[in-house]
Protein backbone atom coordinates (compact mmCIF):
# COMPACT_ATOMS: atom_id res chain seq x y z
CA UNK A 1 -48.48 -39.17 -18.83
CA UNK A 2 -45.40 -39.34 -16.39
CA UNK A 3 -45.83 -41.79 -13.58
CA UNK A 4 -42.68 -42.69 -11.89
CA UNK A 5 -42.43 -46.46 -10.88
CA UNK A 6 -40.40 -45.40 -7.62
CA UNK A 7 -43.31 -43.35 -6.08
CA UNK A 8 -46.64 -44.52 -4.46
CA UNK A 9 -50.07 -42.77 -5.29
CA UNK A 10 -53.54 -42.11 -4.01
CA UNK A 11 -56.79 -42.16 -5.85
CA UNK A 12 -56.99 -38.46 -5.09
CA UNK A 13 -53.82 -37.91 -7.22
CA UNK A 14 -51.18 -37.25 -4.62
CA UNK A 15 -47.72 -38.91 -5.01
CA UNK A 16 -45.79 -40.13 -2.29
CA UNK A 17 -41.98 -40.57 -1.77
CA UNK A 18 -41.50 -43.05 1.15
CA UNK A 19 -38.07 -42.49 2.96
CA UNK A 20 -38.16 -44.82 6.03
CA UNK A 21 -40.50 -43.30 8.54
CA UNK A 22 -40.92 -39.96 6.50
CA UNK A 23 -42.74 -39.31 3.38
CA UNK A 24 -42.66 -36.40 0.58
CA UNK A 25 -45.93 -35.57 -0.78
CA UNK A 26 -46.97 -33.66 -4.05
CA UNK A 27 -49.43 -33.91 -6.66
CA UNK A 28 -49.31 -36.09 -9.88
CA UNK A 29 -48.60 -35.00 -13.40
CA UNK A 30 -52.12 -36.31 -14.16
CA UNK A 31 -53.56 -33.92 -11.56
CA UNK A 32 -51.73 -30.72 -12.57
CA UNK A 33 -52.58 -31.35 -16.29
CA UNK A 34 -56.20 -31.56 -15.09
CA UNK A 35 -56.04 -28.41 -13.11
CA UNK A 36 -54.06 -26.45 -15.73
CA UNK A 37 -52.09 -23.27 -14.72
CA UNK A 38 -51.68 -23.42 -11.09
CA UNK A 39 -51.64 -19.81 -9.57
CA UNK A 40 -51.70 -20.26 -5.88
CA UNK A 41 -50.83 -23.20 -3.31
CA UNK A 42 -52.02 -22.89 0.57
CA UNK A 43 -49.43 -24.87 2.36
CA UNK A 44 -50.05 -26.85 5.72
CA UNK A 45 -48.53 -25.64 9.00
CA UNK A 46 -45.54 -27.34 10.04
CA UNK A 47 -45.95 -29.33 13.21
CA UNK A 48 -49.73 -30.02 12.41
CA UNK A 49 -50.75 -33.60 13.23
CA UNK A 50 -52.91 -35.05 10.33
CA UNK A 51 -54.86 -38.19 9.72
CA UNK A 52 -54.87 -40.04 6.46
CA UNK A 53 -57.20 -38.78 3.98
CA UNK A 54 -57.48 -35.42 5.72
CA UNK A 55 -57.41 -32.01 3.62
CA UNK A 56 -54.29 -30.43 4.43
CA UNK A 57 -53.57 -28.01 1.59
CA UNK A 58 -55.03 -26.22 -1.42
CA UNK A 59 -53.85 -25.78 -4.97
CA UNK A 60 -55.88 -23.14 -7.05
CA UNK A 61 -55.51 -23.00 -10.81
CA UNK A 62 -57.16 -20.84 -13.25
CA UNK A 63 -60.00 -23.61 -13.57
CA UNK A 64 -60.43 -24.71 -9.99
CA UNK A 65 -59.22 -25.10 -6.49
CA UNK A 66 -58.59 -28.60 -5.15
CA UNK A 67 -57.95 -29.89 -1.66
CA UNK A 68 -54.71 -31.86 -1.29
CA UNK A 69 -55.09 -34.64 1.10
CA UNK A 70 -52.57 -36.36 3.48
CA UNK A 71 -52.04 -39.73 2.09
CA UNK A 72 -50.88 -41.10 5.71
CA UNK A 73 -51.29 -40.12 9.28
CA UNK A 74 -48.55 -38.30 10.99
CA UNK A 75 -47.01 -34.93 11.64
CA UNK A 76 -46.21 -32.25 8.83
CA UNK A 77 -42.34 -31.76 9.11
CA UNK A 78 -41.84 -29.35 6.26
CA UNK A 79 -43.50 -27.49 3.46
CA UNK A 80 -42.17 -26.23 0.22
CA UNK A 81 -41.55 -22.35 0.54
CA UNK A 82 -40.67 -22.18 -3.31
CA UNK A 83 -44.41 -22.95 -4.14
CA UNK A 84 -45.40 -19.52 -2.40
CA UNK A 85 -43.17 -17.60 -4.87
CA UNK A 86 -43.66 -19.78 -7.85
CA UNK A 87 -47.05 -22.02 -7.78
CA UNK A 88 -46.38 -22.81 -11.46
CA UNK A 89 -43.75 -25.34 -10.40
CA UNK A 90 -46.60 -27.69 -9.93
CA UNK A 91 -46.98 -27.51 -13.75
CA UNK A 92 -43.52 -27.47 -14.79
CA UNK A 93 -41.88 -29.92 -12.28
CA UNK A 94 -44.65 -31.97 -10.36
CA UNK A 95 -42.45 -34.79 -9.20
CA UNK A 96 -39.26 -32.57 -8.36
CA UNK A 97 -39.37 -29.03 -7.22
CA UNK A 98 -42.94 -28.83 -6.50
CA UNK A 99 -43.25 -31.24 -3.71
CA UNK A 100 -45.86 -29.81 -1.32
CA UNK A 101 -45.15 -31.16 2.18
CA UNK A 102 -43.19 -33.73 4.25
CA UNK A 103 -44.65 -35.92 6.83
CA UNK A 104 -43.26 -37.96 9.78
CA UNK A 105 -45.51 -41.13 9.60
CA UNK A 106 -47.37 -42.11 12.80
CA UNK A 107 -48.33 -45.55 11.43
CA UNK A 108 -45.84 -46.51 8.67
CA UNK A 109 -47.99 -49.67 7.85
CA UNK A 110 -50.63 -47.48 6.35
CA UNK A 111 -48.18 -47.09 3.42
CA UNK A 112 -49.32 -50.58 2.32
CA UNK A 113 -52.69 -49.08 1.41
CA UNK A 114 -51.16 -46.72 -1.30
CA UNK A 115 -51.19 -47.52 -4.95
CA UNK A 116 -48.22 -48.57 -7.03
CA UNK A 117 -47.67 -46.98 -10.59
CA UNK A 118 -49.45 -49.70 -12.37
CA UNK A 119 -52.49 -49.39 -10.23
CA UNK A 120 -52.56 -45.56 -10.44
CA UNK A 121 -52.32 -45.74 -14.17
CA UNK A 122 -55.45 -47.87 -14.11
CA UNK A 123 -57.27 -45.43 -11.82
CA UNK A 124 -56.60 -42.54 -14.30
CA UNK A 125 -57.57 -44.56 -17.23
CA UNK A 126 -61.19 -45.06 -15.75
């Protein structure tokens, strides 16, 4: 299972790339593997203010639909238009081309509650 050391994680299987007071969010390799073939991604609206742990997007696969939660509070600043045309990017490149949204952090200190790669590995092995 691919779990990059440079990212942060949530127990609900989002990955987070922190870049100053902004973050890029997607779902983990483990999550995409559990979902299997992703067929649709509902993206959040740019400009939307969200709270940490609030559902903001939906990923649908041939097996199920899953909410994607904002790992941190803030404003959605961008979404990935490539996922609309090719939702299977979530399966083929979960940590690269399949980022889902970017957020400007309202409270950067919330990031201290995110998991590192080691802690996330422990979560998925339970």
